[in-house]
Amino acid sequence: MLDSRVLRVFREVFDDEQLAVSDTTSARDVPDWDSLAQVKLVIALEQEFDVRFSTTEIGTWACVGDLKRALRSKLGAA
């Protein structure tokens, strides 16, 4: 469930219904993933999951897997 919701957010933010992301996907792997897209992505994820991330948390994300771990932590799911 979390994976599909995260993927949907990515596809909406990057306006690409064919976009595929895995836990190892990073900004280097997605051509339009720049600093502005990062901000949009964080806001969209916060809205989708009703959570808030600190700048420090976001700064530790190196890949989609890190982002998902942070989400799981906020949602209380392992």
Protein backbone atom coordinates (compact mmCIF):
# COMPACT_ATOMS: atom_id res chain seq x y z
CA MET A 1 0.00 0.00 0.00
CA LEU A 2 2.72 2.49 0.96
CA ASP A 3 4.73 1.66 -2.16
CA SER A 4 1.79 2.26 -4.48
CA ARG A 5 0.91 5.55 -2.80
CA VAL A 6 4.52 6.74 -2.98
CA LEU A 7 4.68 5.78 -6.65
CA ARG A 8 1.45 7.66 -7.36
CA VAL A 9 2.89 10.79 -5.71
CA PHE A 10 6.08 10.50 -7.76
CA ARG A 11 4.09 10.14 -10.96
CA GLU A 12 1.95 13.17 -10.11
CA VAL A 13 4.90 15.37 -9.13
CA PHE A 14 6.95 14.43 -12.18
CA ASP A 15 3.88 14.32 -14.46
CA ASP A 16 4.91 10.93 -15.83
CA GLU A 17 2.45 8.05 -15.61
CA GLN A 18 5.16 5.63 -16.79
CA LEU A 19 7.70 6.63 -14.13
CA ALA A 20 9.02 3.65 -12.20
CA VAL A 21 10.93 4.04 -8.94
CA SER A 22 12.54 1.47 -6.69
CA ASP A 23 14.10 1.73 -3.26
CA THR A 24 17.48 2.44 -4.89
CA THR A 25 16.18 5.23 -7.16
CA SER A 26 17.84 8.58 -6.43
CA ALA A 27 17.57 12.08 -7.87
CA ARG A 28 20.35 11.19 -10.33
CA ASP A 29 18.06 8.56 -11.85
CA VAL A 30 15.12 10.88 -12.59
CA PRO A 31 15.98 13.62 -15.12
CA ASP A 32 13.61 16.27 -13.71
CA TRP A 33 14.40 15.63 -10.04
CA ASP A 34 16.01 18.92 -9.11
CA SER A 35 15.75 21.03 -5.96
CA LEU A 36 12.35 22.46 -6.92
CA ALA A 37 11.01 18.99 -7.68
CA GLN A 38 12.36 17.83 -4.31
CA VAL A 39 10.35 20.52 -2.54
CA LYS A 40 7.21 19.62 -4.51
CA LEU A 41 7.77 15.94 -3.78
CA VAL A 42 8.14 16.50 -0.04
CA ILE A 43 5.02 18.67 0.09
CA ALA A 44 3.02 16.13 -1.90
CA LEU A 45 4.20 13.27 0.34
CA GLU A 46 3.39 15.26 3.48
CA GLN A 47 -0.11 15.92 2.15
CA GLU A 48 -0.69 12.35 0.96
CA PHE A 49 0.40 10.77 4.25
CA ASP A 50 -0.53 13.63 6.63
CA VAL A 51 2.98 13.82 8.07
CA ARG A 52 5.67 16.49 8.39
CA PHE A 53 9.39 16.09 7.71
CA SER A 54 12.14 18.23 9.13
CA THR A 55 14.84 19.69 6.93
CA THR A 56 17.32 17.48 8.76
CA GLU A 57 15.31 14.34 7.93
CA ILE A 58 15.01 15.28 4.28
CA GLY A 59 18.74 15.97 4.10
CA THR A 60 19.49 12.36 5.05
CA TRP A 61 17.57 10.88 2.12
CA ALA A 62 19.86 9.46 -0.54
CA CYS A 63 17.27 7.32 -2.31
CA VAL A 64 13.59 6.42 -2.40
CA GLY A 65 14.21 3.66 0.16
CA ASP A 66 15.36 6.27 2.69
CA LEU A 67 12.24 8.30 2.01
CA LYS A 68 10.03 5.23 2.54
CA ARG A 69 11.80 4.35 5.80
CA ALA A 70 11.15 7.89 7.04
CA LEU A 71 7.49 7.56 6.07
CA ARG A 72 7.15 4.19 7.80
CA SER A 73 8.72 5.68 10.90
CA LYS A 74 6.25 8.56 10.90
CA LEU A 75 3.33 6.24 10.29
CA GLY A 76 4.42 3.80 12.98
CA ALA A 77 4.71 0.90 10.53
CA ALA A 78 7.80 -1.27 10.30
